Amino acid sequence: MGGIVLDSLAYCGLSCQECPVLLASRADDDELRTVVARRWSKLLGAPLVAVDIDCDGCQGQGQRRFKHCQACAIRACGRDKGLDNCAVCAQYPCHKLVELFAAAPEARANLERFRVARG
């Protein structure tokens, strides 16, 4: 599947293994957390600090979730439906995904690869 590992693929198709929040968390690197917080504060238009940059991935086994991911409607929907990710949903792609795909086309590409691989 092009290097994408299922448990590091968010429900929406974004690759958690490439996420700066997850990378900073795994490295337990407070300096990197500060850099990511500054960058994402601008990107998301919301003030973030280093302690906000803590996550085990969308589907990771740990309990830490970046606050944006905790509030993610796509993640909540996928979890409620018990899906591996949105690629297997009967409503794929829903309006929430289409909105995300406009900003993150790589998410669509990841989910499409998953759909093809599953046959």
PDB file of N, CA and C in Angstrom:
ATOM      1  N   MET A   1       0.822  -1.194   0.000  1.00  0.00           N
ATOM      2  CA  MET A   1       0.000   0.000   0.000  1.00  0.00           C
ATOM      3  C   MET A   1       0.861   1.250   0.000  1.00  0.00           C
ATOM      4  N   GLY A   2       1.944   1.273  -0.722  1.00  0.00           N
ATOM      5  CA  GLY A   2       2.735   2.481  -0.839  1.00  0.00           C
ATOM      6  C   GLY A   2       3.388   2.931   0.448  1.00  0.00           C
ATOM      7  N   GLY A   3       3.724   2.004   1.343  1.00  0.00           N
ATOM      8  CA  GLY A   3       4.418   2.368   2.568  1.00  0.00           C
ATOM      9  C   GLY A   3       3.497   2.777   3.708  1.00  0.00           C
ATOM     10  N   ILE A   4       2.182   2.795   3.482  1.00  0.00           N
ATOM     11  CA  ILE A   4       1.251   3.186   4.524  1.00  0.00           C
ATOM     12  C   ILE A   4       0.959   1.977   5.399  1.00  0.00           C
ATOM     13  N   VAL A   5       1.093   2.158   6.706  1.00  0.00           N
ATOM     14  CA  VAL A   5       0.812   1.114   7.676  1.00  0.00           C
ATOM     15  C   VAL A   5      -0.581   1.380   8.229  1.00  0.00           C
ATOM     16  N   LEU A   6      -1.447   0.356   8.215  1.00  0.00           N
ATOM     17  CA  LEU A   6      -2.839   0.543   8.600  1.00  0.00           C
ATOM     18  C   LEU A   6      -2.994   1.225   9.948  1.00  0.00           C
ATOM     19  N   ASP A   7      -2.273   0.786  10.971  1.00  0.00           N
ATOM     20  CA  ASP A   7      -2.486   1.389  12.282  1.00  0.00           C
ATOM     21  C   ASP A   7      -1.907   2.793  12.390  1.00  0.00           C
ATOM     22  N   SER A   8      -1.222   3.268  11.359  1.00  0.00           N
ATOM     23  CA  SER A   8      -0.766   4.653  11.364  1.00  0.00           C
ATOM     24  C   SER A   8      -1.538   5.485  10.356  1.00  0.00           C
ATOM     25  N   LEU A   9      -2.592   4.906   9.789  1.00  0.00           N
ATOM     26  CA  LEU A   9      -3.458   5.628   8.871  1.00  0.00           C
ATOM     27  C   LEU A   9      -4.672   6.107   9.653  1.00  0.00           C
ATOM     28  N   ALA A  10      -4.887   7.423   9.644  1.00  0.00           N
ATOM     29  CA  ALA A  10      -6.061   7.966  10.311  1.00  0.00           C
ATOM     30  C   ALA A  10      -7.313   7.531   9.558  1.00  0.00           C
ATOM     31  N   TYR A  11      -8.439   7.611  10.208  1.00  0.00           N
ATOM     32  CA  TYR A  11      -9.691   7.244   9.553  1.00  0.00           C
ATOM     33  C   TYR A  11      -9.857   7.987   8.237  1.00  0.00           C
ATOM     34  N   CYS A  12      -9.450   9.240   8.206  1.00  0.00           N
ATOM     35  CA  CYS A  12      -9.628  10.103   7.037  1.00  0.00           C
ATOM     36  C   CYS A  12      -8.631   9.837   5.918  1.00  0.00           C
ATOM     37  N   GLY A  13      -7.601   9.061   6.205  1.00  0.00           N
ATOM     38  CA  GLY A  13      -6.598   8.762   5.192  1.00  0.00           C
ATOM     39  C   GLY A  13      -5.280   9.476   5.386  1.00  0.00           C
ATOM     40  N   LEU A  14      -5.229  10.439   6.290  1.00  0.00           N
ATOM     41  CA  LEU A  14      -3.943  11.079   6.561  1.00  0.00           C
ATOM     42  C   LEU A  14      -3.016  10.058   7.213  1.00  0.00           C
ATOM     43  N   SER A  15      -1.746  10.176   6.920  1.00  0.00           N
ATOM     44  CA  SER A  15      -0.762   9.246   7.463  1.00  0.00           C
ATOM     45  C   SER A  15      -0.217   9.774   8.782  1.00  0.00           C
ATOM     46  N   CYS A  16      -0.591   9.147   9.875  1.00  0.00           N
ATOM     47  CA  CYS A  16      -0.091   9.558  11.187  1.00  0.00           C
ATOM     48  C   CYS A  16       1.425   9.421  11.268  1.00  0.00           C
ATOM     49  N   GLN A  17       1.980   8.427  10.553  1.00  0.00           N
ATOM     50  CA  GLN A  17       3.427   8.204  10.636  1.00  0.00           C
ATOM     51  C   GLN A  17       4.222   9.383  10.080  1.00  0.00           C
ATOM     52  N   GLU A  18       3.560  10.294   9.345  1.00  0.00           N
ATOM     53  CA  GLU A  18       4.207  11.476   8.809  1.00  0.00           C
ATOM     54  C   GLU A  18       3.828  12.740   9.572  1.00  0.00           C
ATOM     55  N   CYS A  19       2.987  12.620  10.581  1.00  0.00           N
ATOM     56  CA  CYS A  19       2.471  13.767  11.324  1.00  0.00           C
ATOM     57  C   CYS A  19       3.525  14.309  12.288  1.00  0.00           C
ATOM     58  N   PRO A  20       3.822  15.611  12.217  1.00  0.00           N
ATOM     59  CA  PRO A  20       4.804  16.211  13.120  1.00  0.00           C
ATOM     60  C   PRO A  20       4.433  16.079  14.595  1.00  0.00           C
ATOM     61  N   VAL A  21       3.139  16.067  14.910  1.00  0.00           N
ATOM     62  CA  VAL A  21       2.708  15.920  16.301  1.00  0.00           C
ATOM     63  C   VAL A  21       3.084  14.527  16.811  1.00  0.00           C
ATOM     64  N   LEU A  22       2.784  13.506  16.027  1.00  0.00           N
ATOM     65  CA  LEU A  22       3.121  12.135  16.426  1.00  0.00           C
ATOM     66  C   LEU A  22       4.636  11.947  16.501  1.00  0.00           C
ATOM     67  N   LEU A  23       5.352  12.496  15.541  1.00  0.00           N
ATOM     68  CA  LEU A  23       6.812  12.355  15.542  1.00  0.00           C
ATOM     69  C   LEU A  23       7.435  13.011  16.770  1.00  0.00           C
ATOM     70  N   ALA A  24       6.959  14.196  17.134  1.00  0.00           N
ATOM     71  CA  ALA A  24       7.472  14.872  18.331  1.00  0.00           C
ATOM     72  C   ALA A  24       7.121  14.088  19.588  1.00  0.00           C
ATOM     73  N   SER A  25       5.933  13.508  19.604  1.00  0.00           N
ATOM     74  CA  SER A  25       5.494  12.726  20.766  1.00  0.00           C
ATOM     75  C   SER A  25       6.333  11.463  20.921  1.00  0.00           C
ATOM     76  N   ARG A  26       6.531  10.757  19.827  1.00  0.00           N
ATOM     77  CA  ARG A  26       7.329   9.521  19.883  1.00  0.00           C
ATOM     78  C   ARG A  26       8.763   9.792  20.304  1.00  0.00           C
ATOM     79  N   ALA A  27       9.298  10.925  19.848  1.00  0.00           N
ATOM     80  CA  ALA A  27      10.670  11.285  20.213  1.00  0.00           C
ATOM     81  C   ALA A  27      10.744  11.879  21.620  1.00  0.00           C
ATOM     82  N   ASP A  28       9.592  12.183  22.206  1.00  0.00           N
ATOM     83  CA  ASP A  28       9.511  12.858  23.497  1.00  0.00           C
ATOM     84  C   ASP A  28      10.438  14.078  23.512  1.00  0.00           C
ATOM     85  N   ASP A  29      10.317  14.881  22.448  1.00  0.00           N
ATOM     86  CA  ASP A  29      11.205  16.015  22.197  1.00  0.00           C
ATOM     87  C   ASP A  29      10.447  17.322  22.403  1.00  0.00           C
ATOM     88  N   ASP A  30      10.671  17.959  23.571  1.00  0.00           N
ATOM     89  CA  ASP A  30       9.961  19.194  23.899  1.00  0.00           C
ATOM     90  C   ASP A  30      10.342  20.356  22.991  1.00  0.00           C
ATOM     91  N   GLU A  31      11.557  20.372  22.504  1.00  0.00           N
ATOM     92  CA  GLU A  31      11.966  21.424  21.578  1.00  0.00           C
ATOM     93  C   GLU A  31      11.193  21.290  20.261  1.00  0.00           C
ATOM     94  N   LEU A  32      11.083  20.071  19.771  1.00  0.00           N
ATOM     95  CA  LEU A  32      10.314  19.825  18.553  1.00  0.00           C
ATOM     96  C   LEU A  32       8.837  20.115  18.777  1.00  0.00           C
ATOM     97  N   ARG A  33       8.318  19.778  19.955  1.00  0.00           N
ATOM     98  CA  ARG A  33       6.929  20.098  20.282  1.00  0.00           C
ATOM     99  C   ARG A  33       6.689  21.608  20.192  1.00  0.00           C
ATOM    100  N   THR A  34       7.633  22.391  20.692  1.00  0.00           N
ATOM    101  CA  THR A  34       7.511  23.854  20.645  1.00  0.00           C
ATOM    102  C   THR A  34       7.496  24.354  19.209  1.00  0.00           C
ATOM    103  N   VAL A  35       8.375  23.814  18.376  1.00  0.00           N
ATOM    104  CA  VAL A  35       8.428  24.196  16.963  1.00  0.00           C
ATOM    105  C   VAL A  35       7.105  23.847  16.274  1.00  0.00           C
ATOM    106  N   VAL A  36       6.609  22.642  16.508  1.00  0.00           N
ATOM    107  CA  VAL A  36       5.358  22.205  15.893  1.00  0.00           C
ATOM    108  C   VAL A  36       4.195  23.070  16.401  1.00  0.00           C
ATOM    109  N   ALA A  37       4.174  23.373  17.686  1.00  0.00           N
ATOM    110  CA  ALA A  37       3.103  24.202  18.251  1.00  0.00           C
ATOM    111  C   ALA A  37       3.060  25.565  17.572  1.00  0.00           C
ATOM    112  N   ARG A  38       4.212  26.176  17.370  1.00  0.00           N
ATOM    113  CA  ARG A  38       4.256  27.488  16.692  1.00  0.00           C
ATOM    114  C   ARG A  38       3.734  27.374  15.260  1.00  0.00           C
ATOM    115  N   ARG A  39       4.237  26.379  14.549  1.00  0.00           N
ATOM    116  CA  ARG A  39       3.852  26.193  13.145  1.00  0.00           C
ATOM    117  C   ARG A  39       2.363  25.894  13.018  1.00  0.00           C
ATOM    118  N   TRP A  40       1.854  24.998  13.841  1.00  0.00           N
ATOM    119  CA  TRP A  40       0.450  24.608  13.734  1.00  0.00           C
ATOM    120  C   TRP A  40      -0.489  25.668  14.292  1.00  0.00           C
ATOM    121  N   SER A  41      -0.011  26.512  15.204  1.00  0.00           N
ATOM    122  CA  SER A  41      -0.833  27.633  15.671  1.00  0.00           C
ATOM    123  C   SER A  41      -1.200  28.523  14.484  1.00  0.00           C
ATOM    124  N   LYS A  42      -0.219  28.774  13.636  1.00  0.00           N
ATOM    125  CA  LYS A  42      -0.464  29.581  12.440  1.00  0.00           C
ATOM    126  C   LYS A  42      -1.351  28.821  11.454  1.00  0.00           C
ATOM    127  N   LEU A  43      -1.054  27.562  11.245  1.00  0.00           N
ATOM    128  CA  LEU A  43      -1.798  26.740  10.282  1.00  0.00           C
ATOM    129  C   LEU A  43      -3.270  26.585  10.665  1.00  0.00           C
ATOM    130  N   LEU A  44      -3.527  26.321  11.943  1.00  0.00           N
ATOM    131  CA  LEU A  44      -4.883  26.068  12.408  1.00  0.00           C
ATOM    132  C   LEU A  44      -5.600  27.321  12.902  1.00  0.00           C
ATOM    133  N   GLY A  45      -4.837  28.426  13.034  1.00  0.00           N
ATOM    134  CA  GLY A  45      -5.434  29.662  13.525  1.00  0.00           C
ATOM    135  C   GLY A  45      -5.890  29.561  14.973  1.00  0.00           C
ATOM    136  N   ALA A  46      -5.184  28.777  15.751  1.00  0.00           N
ATOM    137  CA  ALA A  46      -5.512  28.579  17.165  1.00  0.00           C
ATOM    138  C   ALA A  46      -4.222  28.520  17.964  1.00  0.00           C
ATOM    139  N   PRO A  47      -4.193  29.159  19.127  1.00  0.00           N
ATOM    140  CA  PRO A  47      -2.964  29.140  19.924  1.00  0.00           C
ATOM    141  C   PRO A  47      -2.670  27.750  20.489  1.00  0.00           C
ATOM    142  N   LEU A  48      -1.477  27.258  20.200  1.00  0.00           N
ATOM    143  CA  LEU A  48      -1.019  25.976  20.721  1.00  0.00           C
ATOM    144  C   LEU A  48       0.306  26.181  21.435  1.00  0.00           C
ATOM    145  N   VAL A  49       0.545  25.362  22.442  1.00  0.00           N
ATOM    146  CA  VAL A  49       1.815  25.355  23.152  1.00  0.00           C
ATOM    147  C   VAL A  49       2.356  23.925  23.139  1.00  0.00           C
ATOM    148  N   ALA A  50       3.574  23.769  23.580  1.00  0.00           N
ATOM    149  CA  ALA A  50       4.256  22.472  23.506  1.00  0.00           C
ATOM    150  C   ALA A  50       3.453  21.345  24.149  1.00  0.00           C
ATOM    151  N   VAL A  51       2.797  21.588  25.261  1.00  0.00           N
ATOM    152  CA  VAL A  51       2.046  20.516  25.937  1.00  0.00           C
ATOM    153  C   VAL A  51       0.850  20.046  25.108  1.00  0.00           C
ATOM    154  N   ASP A  52       0.416  20.851  24.139  1.00  0.00           N
ATOM    155  CA  ASP A  52      -0.675  20.445  23.254  1.00  0.00           C
ATOM    156  C   ASP A  52      -0.210  19.426  22.214  1.00  0.00           C
ATOM    157  N   ILE A  53       1.088  19.341  22.023  1.00  0.00           N
ATOM    158  CA  ILE A  53       1.665  18.490  20.981  1.00  0.00           C
ATOM    159  C   ILE A  53       2.014  17.144  21.599  1.00  0.00           C
ATOM    160  N   ASP A  54       0.987  16.301  21.716  1.00  0.00           N
ATOM    161  CA  ASP A  54       1.140  15.001  22.351  1.00  0.00           C
ATOM    162  C   ASP A  54       0.083  14.075  21.761  1.00  0.00           C
ATOM    163  N   CYS A  55       0.504  13.002  21.107  1.00  0.00           N
ATOM    164  CA  CYS A  55      -0.456  12.147  20.416  1.00  0.00           C
ATOM    165  C   CYS A  55       0.143  10.759  20.178  1.00  0.00           C
ATOM    166  N   ASP A  56      -0.708   9.753  20.226  1.00  0.00           N
ATOM    167  CA  ASP A  56      -0.312   8.380  19.911  1.00  0.00           C
ATOM    168  C   ASP A  56      -0.854   7.932  18.560  1.00  0.00           C
ATOM    169  N   GLY A  57      -1.406   8.866  17.790  1.00  0.00           N
ATOM    170  CA  GLY A  57      -1.963   8.528  16.481  1.00  0.00           C
ATOM    171  C   GLY A  57      -3.454   8.309  16.565  1.00  0.00           C
ATOM    172  N   CYS A  58      -4.108   8.525  15.454  1.00  0.00           N
ATOM    173  CA  CYS A  58      -5.567   8.434  15.384  1.00  0.00           C
ATOM    174  C   CYS A  58      -6.073   7.092  15.883  1.00  0.00           C
ATOM    175  N   GLN A  59      -5.409   6.022  15.493  1.00  0.00           N
ATOM    176  CA  GLN A  59      -5.838   4.688  15.895  1.00  0.00           C
ATOM    177  C   GLN A  59      -4.817   3.999  16.784  1.00  0.00           C
ATOM    178  N   GLY A  60      -3.859   4.762  17.294  1.00  0.00           N
ATOM    179  CA  GLY A  60      -2.823   4.192  18.151  1.00  0.00           C
ATOM    180  C   GLY A  60      -3.391   3.625  19.439  1.00  0.00           C
ATOM    181  N   GLN A  61      -2.650   2.750  20.067  1.00  0.00           N
ATOM    182  CA  GLN A  61      -3.109   2.074  21.276  1.00  0.00           C
ATOM    183  C   GLN A  61      -3.035   2.961  22.511  1.00  0.00           C
ATOM    184  N   GLY A  62      -2.173   3.984  22.478  1.00  0.00           N
ATOM    185  CA  GLY A  62      -2.051   4.875  23.629  1.00  0.00           C
ATOM    186  C   GLY A  62      -3.264   5.776  23.783  1.00  0.00           C
ATOM    187  N   GLN A  63      -3.307   6.491  24.874  1.00  0.00           N
ATOM    188  CA  GLN A  63      -4.455   7.338  25.194  1.00  0.00           C
ATOM    189  C   GLN A  63      -4.283   8.797  24.759  1.00  0.00           C
ATOM    190  N   ARG A  64      -3.063   9.171  24.353  1.00  0.00           N
ATOM    191  CA  ARG A  64      -2.823  10.571  24.005  1.00  0.00           C
ATOM    192  C   ARG A  64      -3.364  10.859  22.605  1.00  0.00           C
ATOM    193  N   ARG A  65      -4.112  11.967  22.475  1.00  0.00           N
ATOM    194  CA  ARG A  65      -4.618  12.416  21.187  1.00  0.00           C
ATOM    195  C   ARG A  65      -4.444  13.926  21.107  1.00  0.00           C
ATOM    196  N   PHE A  66      -3.924  14.384  19.994  1.00  0.00           N
ATOM    197  CA  PHE A  66      -3.846  15.815  19.725  1.00  0.00           C
ATOM    198  C   PHE A  66      -5.262  16.370  19.823  1.00  0.00           C
ATOM    199  N   LYS A  67      -5.437  17.553  20.412  1.00  0.00           N
ATOM    200  CA  LYS A  67      -6.789  18.033  20.683  1.00  0.00           C
ATOM    201  C   LYS A  67      -7.627  18.199  19.416  1.00  0.00           C
ATOM    202  N   HIS A  68      -7.011  18.531  18.305  1.00  0.00           N
ATOM    203  CA  HIS A  68      -7.762  18.613  17.050  1.00  0.00           C
ATOM    204  C   HIS A  68      -8.299  17.224  16.674  1.00  0.00           C
ATOM    205  N   CYS A  69      -7.517  16.203  16.888  1.00  0.00           N
ATOM    206  CA  CYS A  69      -7.928  14.834  16.567  1.00  0.00           C
ATOM    207  C   CYS A  69      -9.002  14.333  17.537  1.00  0.00           C
ATOM    208  N   GLN A  70      -8.922  14.752  18.796  1.00  0.00           N
ATOM    209  CA  GLN A  70      -9.945  14.370  19.776  1.00  0.00           C
ATOM    210  C   GLN A  70     -11.312  14.869  19.347  1.00  0.00           C
ATOM    211  N   ALA A  71     -11.339  16.047  18.727  1.00  0.00           N
ATOM    212  CA  ALA A  71     -12.604  16.677  18.337  1.00  0.00           C
ATOM    213  C   ALA A  71     -12.981  16.391  16.885  1.00  0.00           C
ATOM    214  N   CYS A  72     -12.233  15.543  16.202  1.00  0.00           N
ATOM    215  CA  CYS A  72     -12.438  15.299  14.779  1.00  0.00           C
ATOM    216  C   CYS A  72     -13.723  14.506  14.527  1.00  0.00           C
ATOM    217  N   ALA A  73     -14.631  15.085  13.748  1.00  0.00           N
ATOM    218  CA  ALA A  73     -15.905  14.432  13.428  1.00  0.00           C
ATOM    219  C   ALA A  73     -15.693  13.189  12.559  1.00  0.00           C
ATOM    220  N   ILE A  74     -14.684  13.215  11.700  1.00  0.00           N
ATOM    221  CA  ILE A  74     -14.397  12.056  10.854  1.00  0.00           C
ATOM    222  C   ILE A  74     -13.925  10.891  11.717  1.00  0.00           C
ATOM    223  N   ARG A  75     -13.020  11.165  12.642  1.00  0.00           N
ATOM    224  CA  ARG A  75     -12.526  10.121  13.547  1.00  0.00           C
ATOM    225  C   ARG A  75     -13.666   9.558  14.390  1.00  0.00           C
ATOM    226  N   ALA A  76     -14.503  10.431  14.932  1.00  0.00           N
ATOM    227  CA  ALA A  76     -15.628   9.995  15.764  1.00  0.00           C
ATOM    228  C   ALA A  76     -16.573   9.098  14.968  1.00  0.00           C
ATOM    229  N   CYS A  77     -16.853   9.471  13.745  1.00  0.00           N
ATOM    230  CA  CYS A  77     -17.744   8.690  12.889  1.00  0.00           C
ATOM    231  C   CYS A  77     -17.154   7.300  12.610  1.00  0.00           C
ATOM    232  N   GLY A  78     -15.892   7.257  12.235  1.00  0.00           N
ATOM    233  CA  GLY A  78     -15.233   5.983  11.957  1.00  0.00           C
ATOM    234  C   GLY A  78     -15.196   5.069  13.167  1.00  0.00           C
ATOM    235  N   ARG A  79     -14.908   5.643  14.323  1.00  0.00           N
ATOM    236  CA  ARG A  79     -14.884   4.853  15.563  1.00  0.00           C
ATOM    237  C   ARG A  79     -16.277   4.335  15.893  1.00  0.00           C
ATOM    238  N   ASP A  80     -17.285   5.207  15.764  1.00  0.00           N
ATOM    239  CA  ASP A  80     -18.660   4.803  16.063  1.00  0.00           C
ATOM    240  C   ASP A  80     -19.114   3.651  15.169  1.00  0.00           C
ATOM    241  N   LYS A  81     -18.653   3.662  13.923  1.00  0.00           N
ATOM    242  CA  LYS A  81     -19.035   2.613  12.971  1.00  0.00           C
ATOM    243  C   LYS A  81     -18.134   1.386  13.060  1.00  0.00           C
ATOM    244  N   GLY A  82     -17.061   1.463  13.868  1.00  0.00           N
ATOM    245  CA  GLY A  82     -16.148   0.335  14.026  1.00  0.00           C
ATOM    246  C   GLY A  82     -15.333   0.037  12.779  1.00  0.00           C
ATOM    247  N   LEU A  83     -15.005   1.058  12.015  1.00  0.00           N
ATOM    248  CA  LEU A  83     -14.285   0.885  10.752  1.00  0.00           C
ATOM    249  C   LEU A  83     -12.773   0.872  10.955  1.00  0.00           C
ATOM    250  N   ASP A  84     -12.056   0.214  10.033  1.00  0.00           N
ATOM    251  CA  ASP A  84     -10.595   0.334   9.999  1.00  0.00           C
ATOM    252  C   ASP A  84     -10.221   1.755   9.596  1.00  0.00           C
ATOM    253  N   ASN A  85     -10.913   2.274   8.597  1.00  0.00           N
ATOM    254  CA  ASN A  85     -10.771   3.659   8.147  1.00  0.00           C
ATOM    255  C   ASN A  85     -11.941   3.950   7.213  1.00  0.00           C
ATOM    256  N   CYS A  86     -12.032   5.160   6.738  1.00  0.00           N
ATOM    257  CA  CYS A  86     -13.184   5.576   5.930  1.00  0.00           C
ATOM    258  C   CYS A  86     -13.248   4.903   4.569  1.00  0.00           C
ATOM    259  N   ALA A  87     -12.181   4.314   4.106  1.00  0.00           N
ATOM    260  CA  ALA A  87     -12.179   3.649   2.797  1.00  0.00           C
ATOM    261  C   ALA A  87     -13.168   2.496   2.743  1.00  0.00           C
ATOM    262  N   VAL A  88     -13.490   1.911   3.874  1.00  0.00           N
ATOM    263  CA  VAL A  88     -14.395   0.764   3.901  1.00  0.00           C
ATOM    264  C   VAL A  88     -15.839   1.150   4.234  1.00  0.00           C
ATOM    265  N   CYS A  89     -16.095   2.415   4.367  1.00  0.00           N
ATOM    266  CA  CYS A  89     -17.431   2.891   4.722  1.00  0.00           C
ATOM    267  C   CYS A  89     -18.360   2.845   3.506  1.00  0.00           C
ATOM    268  N   ALA A  90     -19.601   2.464   3.736  1.00  0.00           N
ATOM    269  CA  ALA A  90     -20.605   2.413   2.662  1.00  0.00           C
ATOM    270  C   ALA A  90     -20.907   3.806   2.107  1.00  0.00           C
ATOM    271  N   GLN A  91     -20.670   4.856   2.891  1.00  0.00           N
ATOM    272  CA  GLN A  91     -20.930   6.221   2.433  1.00  0.00           C
ATOM    273  C   GLN A  91     -19.679   6.907   1.866  1.00  0.00           C
ATOM    274  N   TYR A  92     -18.618   6.156   1.660  1.00  0.00           N
ATOM    275  CA  TYR A  92     -17.368   6.742   1.139  1.00  0.00           C
ATOM    276  C   TYR A  92     -17.565   7.267  -0.279  1.00  0.00           C
ATOM    277  N   PRO A  93     -17.102   8.459  -0.578  1.00  0.00           N
ATOM    278  CA  PRO A  93     -16.621   9.500   0.330  1.00  0.00           C
ATOM    279  C   PRO A  93     -17.770  10.407   0.769  1.00  0.00           C
ATOM    280  N   CYS A  94     -17.895  10.644   2.031  1.00  0.00           N
ATOM    281  CA  CYS A  94     -18.937  11.521   2.554  1.00  0.00           C
ATOM    282  C   CYS A  94     -18.518  12.982   2.394  1.00  0.00           C
ATOM    283  N   HIS A  95     -19.431  13.884   2.707  1.00  0.00           N
ATOM    284  CA  HIS A  95     -19.134  15.313   2.547  1.00  0.00           C
ATOM    285  C   HIS A  95     -17.974  15.771   3.432  1.00  0.00           C
ATOM    286  N   LYS A  96     -17.835  15.179   4.621  1.00  0.00           N
ATOM    287  CA  LYS A  96     -16.722  15.550   5.506  1.00  0.00           C
ATOM    288  C   LYS A  96     -15.387  15.213   4.857  1.00  0.00           C
ATOM    289  N   LEU A  97     -15.321  14.043   4.244  1.00  0.00           N
ATOM    290  CA  LEU A  97     -14.088  13.636   3.571  1.00  0.00           C
ATOM    291  C   LEU A  97     -13.806  14.512   2.353  1.00  0.00           C
ATOM    292  N   VAL A  98     -14.823  14.800   1.580  1.00  0.00           N
ATOM    293  CA  VAL A  98     -14.638  15.622   0.385  1.00  0.00           C
ATOM    294  C   VAL A  98     -14.048  16.978   0.762  1.00  0.00           C
ATOM    295  N   GLU A  99     -14.529  17.554   1.852  1.00  0.00           N
ATOM    296  CA  GLU A  99     -13.975  18.831   2.338  1.00  0.00           C
ATOM    297  C   GLU A  99     -12.500  18.667   2.711  1.00  0.00           C
ATOM    298  N   LEU A 100     -12.179  17.603   3.409  1.00  0.00           N
ATOM    299  CA  LEU A 100     -10.787  17.355   3.791  1.00  0.00           C
ATOM    300  C   LEU A 100      -9.916  17.121   2.565  1.00  0.00           C
ATOM    301  N   PHE A 101     -10.403  16.351   1.618  1.00  0.00           N
ATOM    302  CA  PHE A 101      -9.629  16.035   0.417  1.00  0.00           C
ATOM    303  C   PHE A 101      -9.236  17.290  -0.358  1.00  0.00           C
ATOM    304  N   ALA A 102     -10.060  18.330  -0.295  1.00  0.00           N
ATOM    305  CA  ALA A 102      -9.738  19.582  -0.981  1.00  0.00           C
ATOM    306  C   ALA A 102      -8.452  20.184  -0.413  1.00  0.00           C
ATOM    307  N   ALA A 103      -8.247  20.024   0.887  1.00  0.00           N
ATOM    308  CA  ALA A 103      -7.057  20.569   1.544  1.00  0.00           C
ATOM    309  C   ALA A 103      -5.921  19.554   1.640  1.00  0.00           C
ATOM    310  N   ALA A 104      -6.260  18.270   1.611  1.00  0.00           N
ATOM    311  CA  ALA A 104      -5.257  17.216   1.803  1.00  0.00           C
ATOM    312  C   ALA A 104      -5.490  16.083   0.809  1.00  0.00           C
ATOM    313  N   PRO A 105      -5.146  16.294  -0.472  1.00  0.00           N
ATOM    314  CA  PRO A 105      -5.383  15.252  -1.477  1.00  0.00           C
ATOM    315  C   PRO A 105      -4.645  13.949  -1.201  1.00  0.00           C
ATOM    316  N   GLU A 106      -3.581  14.006  -0.436  1.00  0.00           N
ATOM    317  CA  GLU A 106      -2.854  12.787  -0.102  1.00  0.00           C
ATOM    318  C   GLU A 106      -3.723  11.837   0.735  1.00  0.00           C
ATOM    319  N   ALA A 107      -4.661  12.395   1.506  1.00  0.00           N
ATOM    320  CA  ALA A 107      -5.566  11.559   2.298  1.00  0.00           C
ATOM    321  C   ALA A 107      -6.438  10.716   1.366  1.00  0.00           C
ATOM    322  N   ARG A 108      -6.966  11.344   0.320  1.00  0.00           N
ATOM    323  CA  ARG A 108      -7.780  10.597  -0.659  1.00  0.00           C
ATOM    324  C   ARG A 108      -6.930   9.514  -1.325  1.00  0.00           C
ATOM    325  N   ALA A 109      -5.711   9.870  -1.733  1.00  0.00           N
ATOM    326  CA  ALA A 109      -4.829   8.904  -2.403  1.00  0.00           C
ATOM    327  C   ALA A 109      -4.559   7.706  -1.492  1.00  0.00           C
ATOM    328  N   ASN A 110      -4.326   7.942  -0.202  1.00  0.00           N
ATOM    329  CA  ASN A 110      -4.084   6.845   0.741  1.00  0.00           C
ATOM    330  C   ASN A 110      -5.304   5.937   0.862  1.00  0.00           C
ATOM    331  N   LEU A 111      -6.490   6.531   0.977  1.00  0.00           N
ATOM    332  CA  LEU A 111      -7.705   5.728   1.097  1.00  0.00           C
ATOM    333  C   LEU A 111      -7.999   4.971  -0.191  1.00  0.00           C
ATOM    334  N   GLU A 112      -7.749   5.589  -1.323  1.00  0.00           N
ATOM    335  CA  GLU A 112      -7.952   4.900  -2.600  1.00  0.00           C
ATOM    336  C   GLU A 112      -7.009   3.699  -2.730  1.00  0.00           C
ATOM    337  N   ARG A 113      -5.747   3.870  -2.311  1.00  0.00           N
ATOM    338  CA  ARG A 113      -4.804   2.735  -2.330  1.00  0.00           C
ATOM    339  C   ARG A 113      -5.295   1.622  -1.414  1.00  0.00           C
ATOM    340  N   PHE A 114      -5.832   1.992  -0.264  1.00  0.00           N
ATOM    341  CA  PHE A 114      -6.355   1.000   0.660  1.00  0.00           C
ATOM    342  C   PHE A 114      -7.522   0.256   0.031  1.00  0.00           C
ATOM    343  N   ARG A 115      -8.428   0.979  -0.624  1.00  0.00           N
ATOM    344  CA  ARG A 115      -9.600   0.356  -1.272  1.00  0.00           C
ATOM    345  C   ARG A 115      -9.163  -0.625  -2.359  1.00  0.00           C
ATOM    346  N   VAL A 116      -8.180  -0.235  -3.161  1.00  0.00           N
ATOM    347  CA  VAL A 116      -7.681  -1.100  -4.232  1.00  0.00           C
ATOM    348  C   VAL A 116      -7.020  -2.347  -3.638  1.00  0.00           C
ATOM    349  N   ALA A 117      -6.232  -2.152  -2.584  1.00  0.00           N
ATOM    350  CA  ALA A 117      -5.532  -3.282  -1.967  1.00  0.00           C
ATOM    351  C   ALA A 117      -6.514  -4.293  -1.363  1.00  0.00           C
ATOM    352  N   ARG A 118      -7.638  -3.812  -0.861  1.00  0.00           N
ATOM    353  CA  ARG A 118      -8.636  -4.699  -0.261  1.00  0.00           C
ATOM    354  C   ARG A 118      -9.472  -5.407  -1.297  1.00  0.00           C
ATOM    355  N   GLY A 119      -9.460  -4.842  -2.537  1.00  0.00           N
ATOM    356  CA  GLY A 119     -10.190  -5.462  -3.645  1.00  0.00           C
ATOM    357  C   GLY A 119     -11.624  -5.276  -3.514  1.00  0.00           C
TER     358      GLY A 119
END
